[in-house]
Every structure is written in C-alpha cells, then in structure tokens.
Amino acid sequence: MISAWIALPIAADHPAFSGHFPGAPIVPGVVLLDEALFAIGNAIGKNVSACQIGALKFLSPVAPGEPVQVQYAMQANGAIRFDIASAARKVATGSIRALDAESPA
C-alpha cells in the first residue's frame, strides 16, 4: 500500500533554525525525520517513534517555511519505505521498521 502525500507541519520559526545554520538556515535532518515518523505513525495507527532505521539519505536541503510532505509504503517484510519531498523535489528517502509494531500511536 502506498499512501497519499501527508503534509509535514514545520513552522518557519521552528527553534532549530537559530542554530542550523545562522545566516543560512535549513531544516535539520532530525526534524524532517521526526515529523515524518510522527505523520506515518498517525496514519497507520502505530507508534513508530521507536524504530530501526534501515536506510536514510538526505538529498536536498529544506529552507524555513518551505512546504514538505511524506509518502510511505508498507513492505511485505514489515519495513516502511518513505520519501519526503518539497513540490516535485525529493529531499529525503529511507526505510524504517517499528521495534514494537503492536504499540498504538
């Protein structure tokens, strides 16, 4: 199953921008991943905050206020593949496996 794109709400005034990087801020990768995991967990009704990262690659920086969204696909082996994009530009891609697949979100 491939999901529809889910918007990731990263505020233009997020506190992470003050140190990442002054004068030329970008969304930290950890913020992108955290928002993606939260959105995926809500969509599938499971807690994926405790997960094993199978792969993760950041492809392009995201500026403050730039809209981003995540799309995911459940794999037969239990992994969840995902892509994070801004418009048509893919900014990150990866796969995770929830450590406790039975936990509610």
PDB file of N, CA and C in Angstrom:
ATOM      1  N   MET A   1       0.833  -1.185   0.000  1.00  0.00           N
ATOM      2  CA  MET A   1       0.000   0.000   0.000  1.00  0.00           C
ATOM      3  C   MET A   1       0.879   1.250   0.000  1.00  0.00           C
ATOM      4  N   ILE A   2       0.630   2.133  -0.940  1.00  0.00           N
ATOM      5  CA  ILE A   2       1.332   3.420  -0.993  1.00  0.00           C
ATOM      6  C   ILE A   2       0.350   4.489  -0.538  1.00  0.00           C
ATOM      7  N   SER A   3       0.797   5.310   0.369  1.00  0.00           N
ATOM      8  CA  SER A   3      -0.064   6.356   0.919  1.00  0.00           C
ATOM      9  C   SER A   3      -0.132   7.557  -0.019  1.00  0.00           C
ATOM     10  N   ALA A   4      -1.082   8.424   0.264  1.00  0.00           N
ATOM     11  CA  ALA A   4      -1.113   9.738  -0.358  1.00  0.00           C
ATOM     12  C   ALA A   4      -0.042  10.588   0.332  1.00  0.00           C
ATOM     13  N   TRP A   5       0.281  11.706  -0.254  1.00  0.00           N
ATOM     14  CA  TRP A   5       1.243  12.609   0.390  1.00  0.00           C
ATOM     15  C   TRP A   5       0.610  13.219   1.640  1.00  0.00           C
ATOM     16  N   ILE A   6       1.364  13.250   2.737  1.00  0.00           N
ATOM     17  CA  ILE A   6       0.913  13.820   4.007  1.00  0.00           C
ATOM     18  C   ILE A   6       1.792  15.033   4.302  1.00  0.00           C
ATOM     19  N   ALA A   7       1.173  16.193   4.511  1.00  0.00           N
ATOM     20  CA  ALA A   7       1.922  17.415   4.801  1.00  0.00           C
ATOM     21  C   ALA A   7       2.639  17.298   6.145  1.00  0.00           C
ATOM     22  N   LEU A   8       3.857  17.810   6.200  1.00  0.00           N
ATOM     23  CA  LEU A   8       4.630  17.853   7.442  1.00  0.00           C
ATOM     24  C   LEU A   8       4.666  19.304   7.919  1.00  0.00           C
ATOM     25  N   PRO A   9       4.092  19.574   9.093  1.00  0.00           N
ATOM     26  CA  PRO A   9       3.990  20.962   9.573  1.00  0.00           C
ATOM     27  C   PRO A   9       5.279  21.445  10.267  1.00  0.00           C
ATOM     28  N   ILE A  10       6.203  21.974   9.496  1.00  0.00           N
ATOM     29  CA  ILE A  10       7.437  22.509  10.079  1.00  0.00           C
ATOM     30  C   ILE A  10       7.352  24.028   9.996  1.00  0.00           C
ATOM     31  N   ALA A  11       7.158  24.653  11.145  1.00  0.00           N
ATOM     32  CA  ALA A  11       6.959  26.106  11.204  1.00  0.00           C
ATOM     33  C   ALA A  11       8.205  26.858  10.750  1.00  0.00           C
ATOM     34  N   ALA A  12       7.979  27.962  10.055  1.00  0.00           N
ATOM     35  CA  ALA A  12       9.092  28.790   9.580  1.00  0.00           C
ATOM     36  C   ALA A  12       9.908  29.363  10.732  1.00  0.00           C
ATOM     37  N   ASP A  13       9.315  29.417  11.941  1.00  0.00           N
ATOM     38  CA  ASP A  13      10.036  29.946  13.105  1.00  0.00           C
ATOM     39  C   ASP A  13      10.438  28.825  14.077  1.00  0.00           C
ATOM     40  N   HIS A  14      10.571  27.606  13.568  1.00  0.00           N
ATOM     41  CA  HIS A  14      10.977  26.473  14.407  1.00  0.00           C
ATOM     42  C   HIS A  14      12.279  26.809  15.133  1.00  0.00           C
ATOM     43  N   PRO A  15      12.400  26.484  16.422  1.00  0.00           N
ATOM     44  CA  PRO A  15      13.598  26.849  17.193  1.00  0.00           C
ATOM     45  C   PRO A  15      14.893  26.243  16.658  1.00  0.00           C
ATOM     46  N   ALA A  16      14.822  25.177  15.900  1.00  0.00           N
ATOM     47  CA  ALA A  16      16.046  24.550  15.371  1.00  0.00           C
ATOM     48  C   ALA A  16      16.765  25.443  14.370  1.00  0.00           C
ATOM     49  N   PHE A  17      16.045  26.384  13.753  1.00  0.00           N
ATOM     50  CA  PHE A  17      16.672  27.243  12.754  1.00  0.00           C
ATOM     51  C   PHE A  17      17.708  28.194  13.340  1.00  0.00           C
ATOM     52  N   SER A  18      17.573  28.536  14.616  1.00  0.00           N
ATOM     53  CA  SER A  18      18.504  29.500  15.204  1.00  0.00           C
ATOM     54  C   SER A  18      19.939  28.981  15.227  1.00  0.00           C
ATOM     55  N   GLY A  19      20.139  27.678  15.262  1.00  0.00           N
ATOM     56  CA  GLY A  19      21.497  27.155  15.288  1.00  0.00           C
ATOM     57  C   GLY A  19      21.841  26.303  14.087  1.00  0.00           C
ATOM     58  N   HIS A  20      20.956  26.263  13.100  1.00  0.00           N
ATOM     59  CA  HIS A  20      21.165  25.338  11.977  1.00  0.00           C
ATOM     60  C   HIS A  20      20.826  25.990  10.664  1.00  0.00           C
ATOM     61  N   PHE A  21      21.442  26.823  10.109  1.00  0.00           N
ATOM     62  CA  PHE A  21      22.730  27.456  10.377  1.00  0.00           C
ATOM     63  C   PHE A  21      22.513  28.955  10.358  1.00  0.00           C
ATOM     64  N   PRO A  22      23.067  29.684  11.328  1.00  0.00           N
ATOM     65  CA  PRO A  22      22.842  31.135  11.383  1.00  0.00           C
ATOM     66  C   PRO A  22      23.218  31.809  10.060  1.00  0.00           C
ATOM     67  N   GLY A  23      22.303  32.628   9.560  1.00  0.00           N
ATOM     68  CA  GLY A  23      22.543  33.351   8.312  1.00  0.00           C
ATOM     69  C   GLY A  23      22.082  32.590   7.073  1.00  0.00           C
ATOM     70  N   ALA A  24      22.002  31.287   7.139  1.00  0.00           N
ATOM     71  CA  ALA A  24      21.551  30.466   6.013  1.00  0.00           C
ATOM     72  C   ALA A  24      20.856  29.220   6.557  1.00  0.00           C
ATOM     73  N   PRO A  25      19.724  29.401   7.261  1.00  0.00           N
ATOM     74  CA  PRO A  25      19.083  28.274   7.944  1.00  0.00           C
ATOM     75  C   PRO A  25      18.504  27.228   6.994  1.00  0.00           C
ATOM     76  N   ILE A  26      18.559  25.974   7.427  1.00  0.00           N
ATOM     77  CA  ILE A  26      17.892  24.866   6.752  1.00  0.00           C
ATOM     78  C   ILE A  26      17.223  23.999   7.823  1.00  0.00           C
ATOM     79  N   VAL A  27      16.243  23.220   7.413  1.00  0.00           N
ATOM     80  CA  VAL A  27      15.578  22.309   8.345  1.00  0.00           C
ATOM     81  C   VAL A  27      16.564  21.189   8.674  1.00  0.00           C
ATOM     82  N   PRO A  28      16.860  20.985   9.959  1.00  0.00           N
ATOM     83  CA  PRO A  28      17.746  19.874  10.322  1.00  0.00           C
ATOM     84  C   PRO A  28      17.130  18.534   9.916  1.00  0.00           C
ATOM     85  N   GLY A  29      17.976  17.617   9.483  1.00  0.00           N
ATOM     86  CA  GLY A  29      17.503  16.297   9.084  1.00  0.00           C
ATOM     87  C   GLY A  29      16.708  15.608  10.174  1.00  0.00           C
ATOM     88  N   VAL A  30      17.127  15.778  11.421  1.00  0.00           N
ATOM     89  CA  VAL A  30      16.420  15.132  12.533  1.00  0.00           C
ATOM     90  C   VAL A  30      14.994  15.661  12.665  1.00  0.00           C
ATOM     91  N   VAL A  31      14.766  16.919  12.331  1.00  0.00           N
ATOM     92  CA  VAL A  31      13.414  17.486  12.378  1.00  0.00           C
ATOM     93  C   VAL A  31      12.569  16.881  11.255  1.00  0.00           C
ATOM     94  N   LEU A  32      13.142  16.773  10.051  1.00  0.00           N
ATOM     95  CA  LEU A  32      12.418  16.131   8.949  1.00  0.00           C
ATOM     96  C   LEU A  32      12.028  14.705   9.314  1.00  0.00           C
ATOM     97  N   LEU A  33      12.995  13.951   9.859  1.00  0.00           N
ATOM     98  CA  LEU A  33      12.728  12.561  10.217  1.00  0.00           C
ATOM     99  C   LEU A  33      11.679  12.464  11.320  1.00  0.00           C
ATOM    100  N   ASP A  34      11.794  13.294  12.344  1.00  0.00           N
ATOM    101  CA  ASP A  34      10.840  13.267  13.449  1.00  0.00           C
ATOM    102  C   ASP A  34       9.417  13.545  12.968  1.00  0.00           C
ATOM    103  N   GLU A  35       9.254  14.560  12.140  1.00  0.00           N
ATOM    104  CA  GLU A  35       7.923  14.900  11.620  1.00  0.00           C
ATOM    105  C   GLU A  35       7.392  13.789  10.719  1.00  0.00           C
ATOM    106  N   ALA A  36       8.264  13.180   9.913  1.00  0.00           N
ATOM    107  CA  ALA A  36       7.839  12.084   9.041  1.00  0.00           C
ATOM    108  C   ALA A  36       7.390  10.879   9.864  1.00  0.00           C
ATOM    109  N   LEU A  37       8.158  10.514  10.890  1.00  0.00           N
ATOM    110  CA  LEU A  37       7.788   9.377  11.734  1.00  0.00           C
ATOM    111  C   LEU A  37       6.457   9.627  12.443  1.00  0.00           C
ATOM    112  N   PHE A  38       6.267  10.833  12.927  1.00  0.00           N
ATOM    113  CA  PHE A  38       5.020  11.181  13.602  1.00  0.00           C
ATOM    114  C   PHE A  38       3.837  11.042  12.642  1.00  0.00           C
ATOM    115  N   ALA A  39       3.991  11.570  11.412  1.00  0.00           N
ATOM    116  CA  ALA A  39       2.917  11.523  10.421  1.00  0.00           C
ATOM    117  C   ALA A  39       2.614  10.084   9.998  1.00  0.00           C
ATOM    118  N   ILE A  40       3.655   9.300   9.767  1.00  0.00           N
ATOM    119  CA  ILE A  40       3.455   7.905   9.374  1.00  0.00           C
ATOM    120  C   ILE A  40       2.773   7.136  10.503  1.00  0.00           C
ATOM    121  N   GLY A  41       3.250   7.319  11.725  1.00  0.00           N
ATOM    122  CA  GLY A  41       2.651   6.648  12.880  1.00  0.00           C
ATOM    123  C   GLY A  41       1.176   6.969  13.025  1.00  0.00           C
ATOM    124  N   ASN A  42       0.830   8.242  12.886  1.00  0.00           N
ATOM    125  CA  ASN A  42      -0.585   8.637  12.965  1.00  0.00           C
ATOM    126  C   ASN A  42      -1.398   7.990  11.853  1.00  0.00           C
ATOM    127  N   ALA A  43      -0.836   7.934  10.664  1.00  0.00           N
ATOM    128  CA  ALA A  43      -1.566   7.389   9.522  1.00  0.00           C
ATOM    129  C   ALA A  43      -1.827   5.892   9.650  1.00  0.00           C
ATOM    130  N   ILE A  44      -0.871   5.163  10.217  1.00  0.00           N
ATOM    131  CA  ILE A  44      -1.046   3.704  10.308  1.00  0.00           C
ATOM    132  C   ILE A  44      -1.550   3.262  11.676  1.00  0.00           C
ATOM    133  N   GLY A  45      -1.677   4.207  12.602  1.00  0.00           N
ATOM    134  CA  GLY A  45      -2.195   3.878  13.926  1.00  0.00           C
ATOM    135  C   GLY A  45      -1.237   3.090  14.790  1.00  0.00           C
ATOM    136  N   LYS A  46       0.061   3.294  14.569  1.00  0.00           N
ATOM    137  CA  LYS A  46       1.084   2.604  15.358  1.00  0.00           C
ATOM    138  C   LYS A  46       2.165   3.597  15.776  1.00  0.00           C
ATOM    139  N   ASN A  47       2.793   3.294  16.878  1.00  0.00           N
ATOM    140  CA  ASN A  47       3.891   4.127  17.353  1.00  0.00           C
ATOM    141  C   ASN A  47       5.169   3.688  16.653  1.00  0.00           C
ATOM    142  N   VAL A  48       5.711   4.544  15.797  1.00  0.00           N
ATOM    143  CA  VAL A  48       6.957   4.217  15.117  1.00  0.00           C
ATOM    144  C   VAL A  48       8.110   5.094  15.612  1.00  0.00           C
ATOM    145  N   SER A  49       7.895   5.774  16.742  1.00  0.00           N
ATOM    146  CA  SER A  49       8.971   6.620  17.270  1.00  0.00           C
ATOM    147  C   SER A  49      10.160   5.790  17.739  1.00  0.00           C
ATOM    148  N   ALA A  50       9.903   4.549  18.168  1.00  0.00           N
ATOM    149  CA  ALA A  50      10.993   3.614  18.486  1.00  0.00           C
ATOM    150  C   ALA A  50      11.104   2.689  17.287  1.00  0.00           C
ATOM    151  N   CYS A  51      12.088   2.950  16.437  1.00  0.00           N
ATOM    152  CA  CYS A  51      12.210   2.169  15.216  1.00  0.00           C
ATOM    153  C   CYS A  51      13.670   1.929  14.887  1.00  0.00           C
ATOM    154  N   GLN A  52      13.865   0.996  14.005  1.00  0.00           N
ATOM    155  CA  GLN A  52      15.192   0.734  13.466  1.00  0.00           C
ATOM    156  C   GLN A  52      15.229   1.390  12.097  1.00  0.00           C
ATOM    157  N   ILE A  53      16.240   2.193  11.861  1.00  0.00           N
ATOM    158  CA  ILE A  53      16.381   2.836  10.557  1.00  0.00           C
ATOM    159  C   ILE A  53      17.169   1.887   9.664  1.00  0.00           C
ATOM    160  N   GLY A  54      16.526   1.426   8.596  1.00  0.00           N
ATOM    161  CA  GLY A  54      17.193   0.537   7.659  1.00  0.00           C
ATOM    162  C   GLY A  54      18.063   1.315   6.691  1.00  0.00           C
ATOM    163  N   ALA A  55      17.581   2.479   6.286  1.00  0.00           N
ATOM    164  CA  ALA A  55      18.302   3.352   5.362  1.00  0.00           C
ATOM    165  C   ALA A  55      17.747   4.757   5.530  1.00  0.00           C
ATOM    166  N   LEU A  56      18.596   5.736   5.313  1.00  0.00           N
ATOM    167  CA  LEU A  56      18.155   7.125   5.377  1.00  0.00           C
ATOM    168  C   LEU A  56      19.146   7.967   4.604  1.00  0.00           C
ATOM    169  N   LYS A  57      18.642   8.726   3.645  1.00  0.00           N
ATOM    170  CA  LYS A  57      19.508   9.590   2.852  1.00  0.00           C
ATOM    171  C   LYS A  57      18.830  10.934   2.665  1.00  0.00           C
ATOM    172  N   PHE A  58      19.556  11.983   3.009  1.00  0.00           N
ATOM    173  CA  PHE A  58      19.075  13.341   2.794  1.00  0.00           C
ATOM    174  C   PHE A  58      19.651  13.810   1.460  1.00  0.00           C
ATOM    175  N   LEU A  59      18.766  14.243   0.567  1.00  0.00           N
ATOM    176  CA  LEU A  59      19.161  14.534  -0.809  1.00  0.00           C
ATOM    177  C   LEU A  59      19.252  16.014  -1.136  1.00  0.00           C
ATOM    178  N   SER A  60      18.498  16.840  -0.405  1.00  0.00           N
ATOM    179  CA  SER A  60      18.418  18.252  -0.735  1.00  0.00           C
ATOM    180  C   SER A  60      17.985  19.030   0.504  1.00  0.00           C
ATOM    181  N   PRO A  61      18.574  20.208   0.744  1.00  0.00           N
ATOM    182  CA  PRO A  61      18.176  20.986   1.924  1.00  0.00           C
ATOM    183  C   PRO A  61      16.779  21.583   1.778  1.00  0.00           C
ATOM    184  N   VAL A  62      16.161  21.827   2.942  1.00  0.00           N
ATOM    185  CA  VAL A  62      14.827  22.435   3.003  1.00  0.00           C
ATOM    186  C   VAL A  62      14.954  23.761   3.744  1.00  0.00           C
ATOM    187  N   ALA A  63      14.453  24.820   3.150  1.00  0.00           N
ATOM    188  CA  ALA A  63      14.520  26.162   3.744  1.00  0.00           C
ATOM    189  C   ALA A  63      13.364  26.371   4.720  1.00  0.00           C
ATOM    190  N   PRO A  64      13.523  27.323   5.664  1.00  0.00           N
ATOM    191  CA  PRO A  64      12.424  27.643   6.578  1.00  0.00           C
ATOM    192  C   PRO A  64      11.170  28.048   5.806  1.00  0.00           C
ATOM    193  N   GLY A  65      10.039  27.499   6.213  1.00  0.00           N
ATOM    194  CA  GLY A  65       8.775  27.840   5.583  1.00  0.00           C
ATOM    195  C   GLY A  65       8.482  27.072   4.304  1.00  0.00           C
ATOM    196  N   GLU A  66       9.442  26.309   3.809  1.00  0.00           N
ATOM    197  CA  GLU A  66       9.234  25.536   2.585  1.00  0.00           C
ATOM    198  C   GLU A  66       8.302  24.356   2.897  1.00  0.00           C
ATOM    199  N   PRO A  67       7.210  24.194   2.171  1.00  0.00           N
ATOM    200  CA  PRO A  67       6.291  23.089   2.459  1.00  0.00           C
ATOM    201  C   PRO A  67       6.906  21.742   2.073  1.00  0.00           C
ATOM    202  N   VAL A  68       6.778  20.776   2.966  1.00  0.00           N
ATOM    203  CA  VAL A  68       7.269  19.425   2.702  1.00  0.00           C
ATOM    204  C   VAL A  68       6.170  18.424   3.050  1.00  0.00           C
ATOM    205  N   GLN A  69       6.260  17.252   2.443  1.00  0.00           N
ATOM    206  CA  GLN A  69       5.295  16.206   2.694  1.00  0.00           C
ATOM    207  C   GLN A  69       5.999  14.853   2.628  1.00  0.00           C
ATOM    208  N   VAL A  70       5.345  13.849   3.216  1.00  0.00           N
ATOM    209  CA  VAL A  70       5.896  12.496   3.240  1.00  0.00           C
ATOM    210  C   VAL A  70       4.893  11.544   2.593  1.00  0.00           C
ATOM    211  N   GLN A  71       5.427  10.544   1.928  1.00  0.00           N
ATOM    212  CA  GLN A  71       4.632   9.448   1.383  1.00  0.00           C
ATOM    213  C   GLN A  71       5.331   8.168   1.812  1.00  0.00           C
ATOM    214  N   TYR A  72       4.556   7.149   2.158  1.00  0.00           N
ATOM    215  CA  TYR A  72       5.165   5.905   2.638  1.00  0.00           C
ATOM    216  C   TYR A  72       4.513   4.709   1.974  1.00  0.00           C
ATOM    217  N   ALA A  73       5.210   3.585   2.043  1.00  0.00           N
ATOM    218  CA  ALA A  73       4.686   2.320   1.525  1.00  0.00           C
ATOM    219  C   ALA A  73       5.055   1.223   2.507  1.00  0.00           C
ATOM    220  N   MET A  74       4.074   0.418   2.880  1.00  0.00           N
ATOM    221  CA  MET A  74       4.302  -0.734   3.746  1.00  0.00           C
ATOM    222  C   MET A  74       4.878  -1.861   2.892  1.00  0.00           C
ATOM    223  N   GLN A  75       5.966  -2.451   3.336  1.00  0.00           N
ATOM    224  CA  GLN A  75       6.611  -3.536   2.618  1.00  0.00           C
ATOM    225  C   GLN A  75       6.164  -4.885   3.185  1.00  0.00           C
ATOM    226  N   ALA A  76       6.239  -5.925   2.394  1.00  0.00           N
ATOM    227  CA  ALA A  76       5.830  -7.262   2.826  1.00  0.00           C
ATOM    228  C   ALA A  76       6.658  -7.756   4.015  1.00  0.00           C
ATOM    229  N   ASN A  77       7.898  -7.297   4.125  1.00  0.00           N
ATOM    230  CA  ASN A  77       8.775  -7.738   5.222  1.00  0.00           C
ATOM    231  C   ASN A  77       8.576  -6.935   6.507  1.00  0.00           C
ATOM    232  N   GLY A  78       7.593  -6.032   6.542  1.00  0.00           N
ATOM    233  CA  GLY A  78       7.314  -5.235   7.731  1.00  0.00           C
ATOM    234  C   GLY A  78       7.988  -3.876   7.743  1.00  0.00           C
ATOM    235  N   ALA A  79       8.887  -3.643   6.810  1.00  0.00           N
ATOM    236  CA  ALA A  79       9.547  -2.334   6.736  1.00  0.00           C
ATOM    237  C   ALA A  79       8.576  -1.306   6.160  1.00  0.00           C
ATOM    238  N   ILE A  80       8.864  -0.051   6.426  1.00  0.00           N
ATOM    239  CA  ILE A  80       8.096   1.061   5.867  1.00  0.00           C
ATOM    240  C   ILE A  80       9.067   1.919   5.071  1.00  0.00           C
ATOM    241  N   ARG A  81       8.880   1.994   3.762  1.00  0.00           N
ATOM    242  CA  ARG A  81       9.689   2.863   2.905  1.00  0.00           C
ATOM    243  C   ARG A  81       9.015   4.220   2.858  1.00  0.00           C
ATOM    244  N   PHE A  82       9.813   5.286   2.818  1.00  0.00           N
ATOM    245  CA  PHE A  82       9.214   6.616   2.748  1.00  0.00           C
ATOM    246  C   PHE A  82      10.062   7.556   1.915  1.00  0.00           C
ATOM    247  N   ASP A  83       9.396   8.566   1.381  1.00  0.00           N
ATOM    248  CA  ASP A  83      10.038   9.665   0.674  1.00  0.00           C
ATOM    249  C   ASP A  83       9.496  10.956   1.261  1.00  0.00           C
ATOM    250  N   ILE A  84      10.380  11.925   1.425  1.00  0.00           N
ATOM    251  CA  ILE A  84       9.997  13.274   1.851  1.00  0.00           C
ATOM    252  C   ILE A  84      10.302  14.184   0.673  1.00  0.00           C
ATOM    253  N   ALA A  85       9.348  15.044   0.320  1.00  0.00           N
ATOM    254  CA  ALA A  85       9.516  15.896  -0.846  1.00  0.00           C
ATOM    255  C   ALA A  85       9.035  17.308  -0.571  1.00  0.00           C
ATOM    256  N   SER A  86       9.563  18.224  -1.356  1.00  0.00           N
ATOM    257  CA  SER A  86       9.079  19.596  -1.403  1.00  0.00           C
ATOM    258  C   SER A  86       8.728  19.854  -2.861  1.00  0.00           C
ATOM    259  N   ALA A  87       7.449  20.023  -3.125  1.00  0.00           N
ATOM    260  CA  ALA A  87       6.935  20.102  -4.500  1.00  0.00           C
ATOM    261  C   ALA A  87       7.385  18.830  -5.223  1.00  0.00           C
ATOM    262  N   ALA A  88       8.044  18.949  -6.358  1.00  0.00           N
ATOM    263  CA  ALA A  88       8.484  17.768  -7.111  1.00  0.00           C
ATOM    264  C   ALA A  88       9.898  17.325  -6.723  1.00  0.00           C
ATOM    265  N   ARG A  89      10.525  18.021  -5.792  1.00  0.00           N
ATOM    266  CA  ARG A  89      11.907  17.735  -5.407  1.00  0.00           C
ATOM    267  C   ARG A  89      11.952  16.781  -4.223  1.00  0.00           C
ATOM    268  N   LYS A  90      12.556  15.619  -4.401  1.00  0.00           N
ATOM    269  CA  LYS A  90      12.725  14.673  -3.299  1.00  0.00           C
ATOM    270  C   LYS A  90      13.846  15.198  -2.406  1.00  0.00           C
ATOM    271  N   VAL A  91      13.571  15.333  -1.095  1.00  0.00           N
ATOM    272  CA  VAL A  91      14.573  15.869  -0.172  1.00  0.00           C
ATOM    273  C   VAL A  91      15.158  14.807   0.748  1.00  0.00           C
ATOM    274  N   ALA A  92      14.450  13.691   0.924  1.00  0.00           N
ATOM    275  CA  ALA A  92      14.970  12.592   1.749  1.00  0.00           C
ATOM    276  C   ALA A  92      14.243  11.312   1.378  1.00  0.00           C
ATOM    277  N   THR A  93      14.891  10.195   1.632  1.00  0.00           N
ATOM    278  CA  THR A  93      14.302   8.895   1.382  1.00  0.00           C
ATOM    279  C   THR A  93      14.855   7.904   2.392  1.00  0.00           C
ATOM    280  N   GLY A  94      14.076   6.902   2.720  1.00  0.00           N
ATOM    281  CA  GLY A  94      14.583   5.936   3.682  1.00  0.00           C
ATOM    282  C   GLY A  94      13.617   4.810   3.950  1.00  0.00           C
ATOM    283  N   SER A  95      13.995   3.978   4.911  1.00  0.00           N
ATOM    284  CA  SER A  95      13.122   2.902   5.360  1.00  0.00           C
ATOM    285  C   SER A  95      13.332   2.678   6.848  1.00  0.00           C
ATOM    286  N   ILE A  96      12.257   2.305   7.505  1.00  0.00           N
ATOM    287  CA  ILE A  96      12.288   2.043   8.942  1.00  0.00           C
ATOM    288  C   ILE A  96      11.540   0.750   9.222  1.00  0.00           C
ATOM    289  N   ARG A  97      11.746   0.244  10.415  1.00  0.00           N
ATOM    290  CA  ARG A  97      10.975  -0.887  10.916  1.00  0.00           C
ATOM    291  C   ARG A  97      10.655  -0.562  12.372  1.00  0.00           C
ATOM    292  N   ALA A  98       9.361  -0.543  12.691  1.00  0.00           N
ATOM    293  CA  ALA A  98       8.945  -0.276  14.067  1.00  0.00           C
ATOM    294  C   ALA A  98       9.463  -1.386  14.970  1.00  0.00           C
ATOM    295  N   LEU A  99      10.004  -1.034  16.128  1.00  0.00           N
ATOM    296  CA  LEU A  99      10.519  -2.037  17.053  1.00  0.00           C
ATOM    297  C   LEU A  99       9.393  -2.734  17.796  1.00  0.00           C
ATOM    298  N   ASP A 100       8.303  -2.010  18.024  1.00  0.00           N
ATOM    299  CA  ASP A 100       7.146  -2.589  18.700  1.00  0.00           C
ATOM    300  C   ASP A 100       5.942  -2.347  17.819  1.00  0.00           C
ATOM    301  N   ALA A 101       5.771  -3.190  16.814  1.00  0.00           N
ATOM    302  CA  ALA A 101       4.740  -2.971  15.790  1.00  0.00           C
ATOM    303  C   ALA A 101       3.325  -3.024  16.349  1.00  0.00           C
ATOM    304  N   GLU A 102       3.139  -3.485  17.584  1.00  0.00           N
ATOM    305  CA  GLU A 102       1.804  -3.583  18.141  1.00  0.00           C
ATOM    306  C   GLU A 102       1.423  -2.392  19.006  1.00  0.00           C
ATOM    307  N   SER A 103       2.336  -1.437  19.230  1.00  0.00           N
ATOM    308  CA  SER A 103       2.042  -0.284  20.088  1.00  0.00           C
ATOM    309  C   SER A 103       1.140   0.702  19.382  1.00  0.00           C
ATOM    310  N   PRO A 104       0.134   1.234  20.044  1.00  0.00           N
ATOM    311  CA  PRO A 104      -0.715   2.252  19.424  1.00  0.00           C
ATOM    312  C   PRO A 104       0.039   3.566  19.296  1.00  0.00           C
ATOM    313  N   ALA A 105      -0.369   4.387  18.365  1.00  0.00           N
ATOM    314  CA  ALA A 105       0.255   5.710  18.166  1.00  0.00           C
ATOM    315  C   ALA A 105      -0.103   6.641  19.280  1.00  0.00           C
TER     316      ALA A 105
END
